[in-house]
Amino acid sequence: MKPGASGTAGSEAPTGRRLAAGVGFALLAITLWGGWFVVTRRTVGAGGVLGPADLVALRFGIGGLLLLPVLALRLRGLGRTALVDGLFLYVSQGAPFALLISIALRYAPAGHGAALTPGTMPLFAALLGVLVLGDRPGRFAIAGLGLIAAGALTLAGGFRDADELFGYGLLLTAAFLWAAGTVRMRRSRLTALEATALVCVGSLLTYIPLYLASGLSRLMEAPPAEVALQAVYQGVLVSVVALIAFNRSLALIGRRTPAFTALVPVIATLLAIPVLGEVPDPLHIGAILAIGAGVLLTTRG
């Protein structure tokens, strides 16, 4: 097995340095993803020039170009099974996943998206882990998943109309896809770098031609400073650094990693206070505390 491949990591009980490293990589990934909702809302939600299609293009166009040499060097060594794994991860972590979120945010509030999708990822991942990998979460883990679900649903709130309900459906579909990708990655022999390269390059080759042909690009109309900010955050930090960190965490601590995605709305809510001036009410604070407690219980269990 290649060093860094996930393999059977999900069946081991990581301790010591392995556990600390896995938690560290997971926290790096979810911090960047939490910031993604804030940075995206700052641009799209305030009547900015750039739209969701532009942000997805920056995310995978730059990420794909950066990782294209990596994939070119390692492609020969990847077997057929690894390529199938890569296709599966492309759907669950790449452009299709990002487009689902982008379309959903046209119908559902961005804050609800930050709560509902990452908040339900651990629930879907735990269910698929039981059905596919034979995981047996303990009582503490089950209690933690319950707290995560309660906190996520509280942050999301109730839907107001059919359009918003449709948006919620897309968000839940995206959460399920991502969870399925984490389960697949745990069984894969791909390293974190190889998996991320397949996701980003696959998205580059499929999404960017459609994006350019559709005439949706507003990059030339936007302020250069805004394009540069989004290029660095979307194209480098979110699409490359966060994905590598998340997949590396999966390799180190297995089924415990998906629980950390529930912290994304917590990070987003906290960052939104200084960046967007959005101060949570007491109900939302209670939901954040419930999610944090749920993650602690789930990762320990």
Protein backbone atom coordinates (compact mmCIF):
# COMPACT_ATOMS: atom_id res chain seq x y z
CA MET A 1 0.00 0.00 0.00
CA LYS A 2 1.24 3.49 -0.77
CA PRO A 3 2.32 5.68 2.14
CA GLY A 4 -0.50 8.01 3.02
CA ALA A 5 -3.18 5.92 1.37
CA SER A 6 -6.27 5.51 3.42
CA GLY A 7 -6.62 1.75 3.15
CA THR A 8 -7.78 0.32 6.45
CA ALA A 9 -7.25 3.42 8.53
CA GLY A 10 -10.94 3.53 9.31
CA SER A 11 -10.73 0.19 11.13
CA GLU A 12 -7.81 1.19 13.39
CA ALA A 13 -7.96 3.13 16.65
CA PRO A 14 -5.46 5.94 16.01
CA THR A 15 -3.49 7.13 19.02
CA GLY A 16 -0.71 9.55 19.83
CA ARG A 17 0.90 11.41 16.98
CA ARG A 18 -1.33 9.80 14.34
CA LEU A 19 -4.47 11.00 16.12
CA ALA A 20 -3.05 14.49 16.70
CA ALA A 21 -1.97 14.81 13.08
CA GLY A 22 -5.34 13.58 11.82
CA VAL A 23 -7.21 16.06 14.00
CA GLY A 24 -4.85 18.85 12.91
CA PHE A 25 -5.40 18.17 9.21
CA ALA A 26 -9.18 17.98 9.75
CA LEU A 27 -9.22 21.31 11.62
CA LEU A 28 -7.19 22.97 8.86
CA ALA A 29 -9.65 21.75 6.21
CA ILE A 30 -12.82 22.76 8.05
CA THR A 31 -11.38 26.19 8.96
CA LEU A 32 -10.74 26.91 5.28
CA TRP A 33 -14.20 25.61 4.32
CA GLY A 34 -15.86 27.67 7.06
CA GLY A 35 -14.10 30.73 5.70
CA TRP A 36 -15.27 29.77 2.19
CA PHE A 37 -18.90 30.45 3.07
CA VAL A 38 -17.98 33.86 4.49
CA VAL A 39 -15.70 34.83 1.59
CA THR A 40 -18.32 33.63 -0.90
CA ARG A 41 -21.17 35.49 0.82
CA ARG A 42 -18.99 38.60 0.94
CA THR A 43 -18.73 38.51 -2.85
CA VAL A 44 -21.98 36.95 -4.11
CA GLY A 45 -24.36 37.94 -1.32
CA ALA A 46 -23.60 41.65 -1.41
CA GLY A 47 -24.54 42.26 -5.03
CA GLY A 48 -20.97 41.82 -6.25
CA VAL A 49 -20.00 41.36 -9.86
CA LEU A 50 -18.73 37.79 -9.53
CA GLY A 51 -21.33 35.02 -9.54
CA PRO A 52 -21.32 31.40 -8.33
CA ALA A 53 -20.21 30.14 -11.75
CA ASP A 54 -17.13 32.38 -11.59
CA LEU A 55 -16.19 31.15 -8.13
CA VAL A 56 -16.46 27.49 -9.15
CA ALA A 57 -14.33 28.27 -12.21
CA LEU A 58 -11.65 29.91 -10.07
CA ARG A 59 -11.81 27.09 -7.55
CA PHE A 60 -11.17 24.28 -9.99
CA GLY A 61 -9.53 26.13 -12.87
CA ILE A 62 -6.59 27.25 -10.74
CA GLY A 63 -6.59 24.12 -8.57
CA GLY A 64 -6.64 21.90 -11.65
CA LEU A 65 -3.76 23.77 -13.30
CA LEU A 66 -1.67 23.60 -10.11
CA LEU A 67 -2.18 19.84 -9.77
CA LEU A 68 -2.03 18.93 -13.47
CA PRO A 69 1.74 18.18 -13.29
CA VAL A 70 1.14 15.96 -10.25
CA LEU A 71 -1.46 13.90 -12.09
CA ALA A 72 0.67 13.75 -15.25
CA LEU A 73 3.59 12.31 -13.26
CA ARG A 74 1.52 9.76 -11.34
CA LEU A 75 -1.12 8.78 -13.90
CA ARG A 76 0.83 5.78 -15.23
CA GLY A 77 1.18 4.33 -11.75
CA LEU A 78 -2.54 4.51 -11.04
CA GLY A 79 -4.43 1.33 -11.74
CA ARG A 80 -7.96 1.00 -13.07
CA THR A 81 -9.42 0.77 -9.56
CA ALA A 82 -7.68 4.00 -8.55
CA LEU A 83 -9.09 5.79 -11.58
CA VAL A 84 -12.60 4.57 -10.73
CA ASP A 85 -12.03 5.88 -7.20
CA GLY A 86 -10.94 9.19 -8.71
CA LEU A 87 -14.12 9.42 -10.81
CA PHE A 88 -16.20 8.73 -7.72
CA LEU A 89 -14.33 11.43 -5.76
CA TYR A 90 -14.66 13.88 -8.67
CA VAL A 91 -18.46 13.65 -8.47
CA SER A 92 -18.54 13.87 -4.66
CA GLN A 93 -15.87 16.54 -4.08
CA GLY A 94 -15.41 18.28 -7.41
CA ALA A 95 -17.37 20.49 -9.78
CA PRO A 96 -20.69 18.56 -9.54
CA PHE A 97 -20.65 18.96 -5.74
CA ALA A 98 -19.73 22.65 -5.94
CA LEU A 99 -22.41 23.32 -8.56
CA LEU A 100 -25.08 21.69 -6.39
CA ILE A 101 -24.15 24.04 -3.55
CA SER A 102 -24.03 27.07 -5.85
CA ILE A 103 -27.47 26.35 -7.33
CA ALA A 104 -28.92 25.60 -3.87
CA LEU A 105 -27.74 28.98 -2.57
CA ARG A 106 -29.99 30.67 -5.12
CA TYR A 107 -32.99 29.24 -3.28
CA ALA A 108 -31.85 28.80 0.32
CA PRO A 109 -30.04 31.35 2.52
CA ALA A 110 -26.25 31.01 2.53
CA GLY A 111 -26.18 30.73 6.32
CA HIS A 112 -28.57 27.79 6.12
CA GLY A 113 -26.35 26.17 3.51
CA ALA A 114 -23.32 26.52 5.80
CA ALA A 115 -25.28 24.73 8.51
CA LEU A 116 -27.25 22.11 6.63
CA THR A 117 -24.68 20.58 4.25
CA PRO A 118 -21.61 20.30 6.54
CA GLY A 119 -23.88 19.58 9.52
CA THR A 120 -25.47 16.53 7.90
CA MET A 121 -22.29 15.17 6.25
CA PRO A 122 -21.24 13.31 9.43
CA LEU A 123 -24.69 11.75 9.73
CA PHE A 124 -24.65 10.42 6.17
CA ALA A 125 -21.01 9.34 6.55
CA ALA A 126 -21.79 7.44 9.75
CA LEU A 127 -24.78 5.70 8.14
CA LEU A 128 -22.80 4.74 5.04
CA GLY A 129 -19.90 3.63 7.23
CA VAL A 130 -22.21 1.22 9.04
CA LEU A 131 -23.80 -0.09 5.83
CA VAL A 132 -20.70 -0.27 3.62
CA LEU A 133 -17.69 -0.61 5.92
CA GLY A 134 -19.22 -2.32 8.92
CA ASP A 135 -18.46 0.53 11.35
CA ARG A 136 -19.93 0.16 14.81
CA PRO A 137 -20.15 3.58 16.45
CA GLY A 138 -20.33 3.52 20.24
CA ARG A 139 -22.88 5.16 22.50
CA PHE A 140 -20.87 8.37 22.78
CA ALA A 141 -20.55 8.61 19.01
CA ILE A 142 -24.29 8.07 18.53
CA ALA A 143 -25.05 10.73 21.15
CA GLY A 144 -22.61 13.07 19.41
CA LEU A 145 -24.27 12.54 16.04
CA GLY A 146 -27.62 13.37 17.65
CA LEU A 147 -26.23 16.66 19.00
CA ILE A 148 -24.76 17.49 15.58
CA ALA A 149 -28.11 16.85 13.89
CA ALA A 150 -29.99 18.97 16.43
CA GLY A 151 -27.51 21.84 16.13
CA ALA A 152 -27.43 21.76 12.33
CA LEU A 153 -31.21 21.76 12.00
CA THR A 154 -31.47 24.61 14.51
CA LEU A 155 -28.94 26.68 12.56
CA ALA A 156 -30.72 25.94 9.28
CA GLY A 157 -34.16 26.88 10.61
CA GLY A 158 -37.47 26.08 8.99
CA PHE A 159 -38.15 26.54 5.30
CA ARG A 160 -40.43 29.36 4.19
CA ASP A 161 -41.62 28.23 0.75
CA ALA A 162 -41.29 25.58 -1.95
CA ASP A 163 -38.25 27.24 -3.51
CA GLU A 164 -36.37 27.16 -0.22
CA LEU A 165 -37.39 23.54 0.31
CA PHE A 166 -35.94 22.75 -3.14
CA GLY A 167 -32.70 24.44 -2.11
CA TYR A 168 -32.60 22.35 1.06
CA GLY A 169 -33.03 19.22 -1.03
CA LEU A 170 -30.01 20.15 -3.15
CA LEU A 171 -27.96 20.87 -0.03
CA LEU A 172 -28.82 17.47 1.44
CA THR A 173 -27.98 15.79 -1.88
CA ALA A 174 -24.57 17.48 -1.83
CA ALA A 175 -24.03 16.33 1.76
CA PHE A 176 -24.84 12.74 0.80
CA LEU A 177 -22.44 12.86 -2.17
CA TRP A 178 -19.63 14.18 -0.01
CA ALA A 179 -20.25 11.53 2.63
CA ALA A 180 -20.20 8.82 -0.03
CA GLY A 181 -16.87 10.19 -1.22
CA THR A 182 -15.36 9.97 2.27
CA VAL A 183 -16.43 6.32 2.55
CA ARG A 184 -14.95 5.58 -0.88
CA MET A 185 -11.72 7.36 0.06
CA ARG A 186 -11.35 5.25 3.19
CA ARG A 187 -11.29 2.12 1.00
CA SER A 188 -9.07 3.64 -1.68
CA ARG A 189 -5.33 3.19 -2.19
CA LEU A 190 -5.03 6.76 -3.46
CA THR A 191 -2.85 9.14 -1.49
CA ALA A 192 -4.39 12.45 -0.40
CA LEU A 193 -2.41 14.29 -3.10
CA GLU A 194 -3.44 11.87 -5.86
CA ALA A 195 -7.11 12.03 -4.85
CA THR A 196 -7.09 15.83 -4.81
CA ALA A 197 -5.33 15.97 -8.19
CA LEU A 198 -7.96 13.69 -9.76
CA VAL A 199 -10.77 15.83 -8.33
CA CYS A 200 -9.32 19.18 -9.43
CA VAL A 201 -8.00 18.14 -12.85
CA GLY A 202 -11.23 16.26 -13.62
CA SER A 203 -13.20 19.41 -12.74
CA LEU A 204 -10.84 21.55 -14.82
CA LEU A 205 -11.35 19.38 -17.91
CA THR A 206 -15.13 19.09 -17.59
CA TYR A 207 -16.37 22.31 -16.02
CA ILE A 208 -14.11 25.02 -17.48
CA PRO A 209 -14.98 24.34 -21.17
CA LEU A 210 -18.71 24.48 -20.34
CA TYR A 211 -18.20 27.63 -18.26
CA LEU A 212 -16.35 29.41 -21.08
CA ALA A 213 -18.81 28.27 -23.74
CA SER A 214 -21.83 29.41 -21.71
CA GLY A 215 -20.78 33.05 -21.62
CA LEU A 216 -21.35 33.24 -17.84
CA SER A 217 -17.92 34.64 -17.07
CA ARG A 218 -17.82 38.03 -15.31
CA LEU A 219 -14.14 37.92 -14.40
CA MET A 220 -13.18 40.78 -16.73
CA GLU A 221 -15.87 43.02 -15.18
CA ALA A 222 -14.86 42.50 -11.55
CA PRO A 223 -12.25 44.57 -9.65
CA PRO A 224 -8.79 42.96 -10.01
CA ALA A 225 -8.29 42.90 -6.23
CA GLU A 226 -11.51 40.90 -5.76
CA VAL A 227 -10.54 38.44 -8.50
CA ALA A 228 -7.11 38.00 -6.90
CA LEU A 229 -8.62 37.37 -3.45
CA GLN A 230 -11.04 34.81 -4.80
CA ALA A 231 -8.37 33.19 -6.97
CA VAL A 232 -6.13 32.57 -3.95
CA TYR A 233 -8.90 31.48 -1.59
CA GLN A 234 -11.03 29.47 -4.02
CA GLY A 235 -8.30 28.16 -6.32
CA VAL A 236 -5.51 27.40 -3.85
CA LEU A 237 -6.73 27.24 -0.26
CA VAL A 238 -10.15 25.61 -0.77
CA SER A 239 -9.62 23.39 -3.81
CA VAL A 240 -6.05 22.23 -3.09
CA VAL A 241 -4.93 22.80 0.52
CA ALA A 242 -8.27 21.96 2.20
CA LEU A 243 -8.91 18.87 0.06
CA ILE A 244 -5.41 17.49 0.63
CA ALA A 245 -5.73 18.12 4.37
CA PHE A 246 -9.17 16.47 4.55
CA ASN A 247 -8.14 13.40 2.56
CA ARG A 248 -4.93 13.11 4.59
CA SER A 249 -6.99 13.22 7.79
CA LEU A 250 -9.16 10.40 6.41
CA ALA A 251 -6.01 8.35 5.88
CA LEU A 252 -4.91 8.94 9.47
CA ILE A 253 -8.07 8.73 11.57
CA GLY A 254 -10.68 7.23 9.23
CA ARG A 255 -14.32 7.48 10.29
CA ARG A 256 -13.59 10.22 12.85
CA THR A 257 -12.72 12.77 10.13
CA PRO A 258 -16.25 13.39 8.70
CA ALA A 259 -17.49 14.49 12.14
CA PHE A 260 -15.28 17.58 11.91
CA THR A 261 -17.26 18.89 8.92
CA ALA A 262 -20.03 19.71 11.40
CA LEU A 263 -17.77 22.48 12.70
CA VAL A 264 -17.91 24.32 9.35
CA PRO A 265 -21.06 26.31 10.30
CA VAL A 266 -19.47 27.08 13.66
CA ILE A 267 -16.35 28.49 11.97
CA ALA A 268 -18.49 30.34 9.40
CA THR A 269 -20.67 31.88 12.11
CA LEU A 270 -17.69 33.03 14.16
CA LEU A 271 -15.85 34.48 11.14
CA ALA A 272 -19.02 36.24 9.96
CA ILE A 273 -19.02 38.38 13.12
CA PRO A 274 -15.91 40.46 12.25
CA VAL A 275 -16.07 40.07 8.44
CA LEU A 276 -19.79 40.50 7.73
CA GLY A 277 -21.03 42.02 10.98
CA GLU A 278 -23.46 39.12 11.52
CA VAL A 279 -23.88 38.49 15.24
CA PRO A 280 -25.63 35.19 16.17
CA ASP A 281 -28.63 35.22 18.51
CA PRO A 282 -28.79 33.07 21.67
CA LEU A 283 -30.54 30.21 19.81
CA HIS A 284 -27.73 30.04 17.27
CA ILE A 285 -25.11 30.18 20.02
CA GLY A 286 -26.79 27.19 21.68
CA ALA A 287 -26.76 25.33 18.35
CA ILE A 288 -23.05 26.07 17.91
CA LEU A 289 -22.27 24.71 21.37
CA ALA A 290 -24.34 21.58 20.64
CA ILE A 291 -22.42 20.95 17.41
CA GLY A 292 -19.08 21.44 19.14
CA ALA A 293 -20.05 18.99 21.90
CA GLY A 294 -21.33 16.54 19.29
CA VAL A 295 -18.03 16.60 17.39
CA LEU A 296 -16.10 15.96 20.62
CA LEU A 297 -18.28 12.98 21.49
CA THR A 298 -18.22 11.57 17.96
CA THR A 299 -14.45 11.79 17.50
CA ARG A 300 -13.80 10.31 20.93
CA GLY A 301 -16.38 7.59 20.38
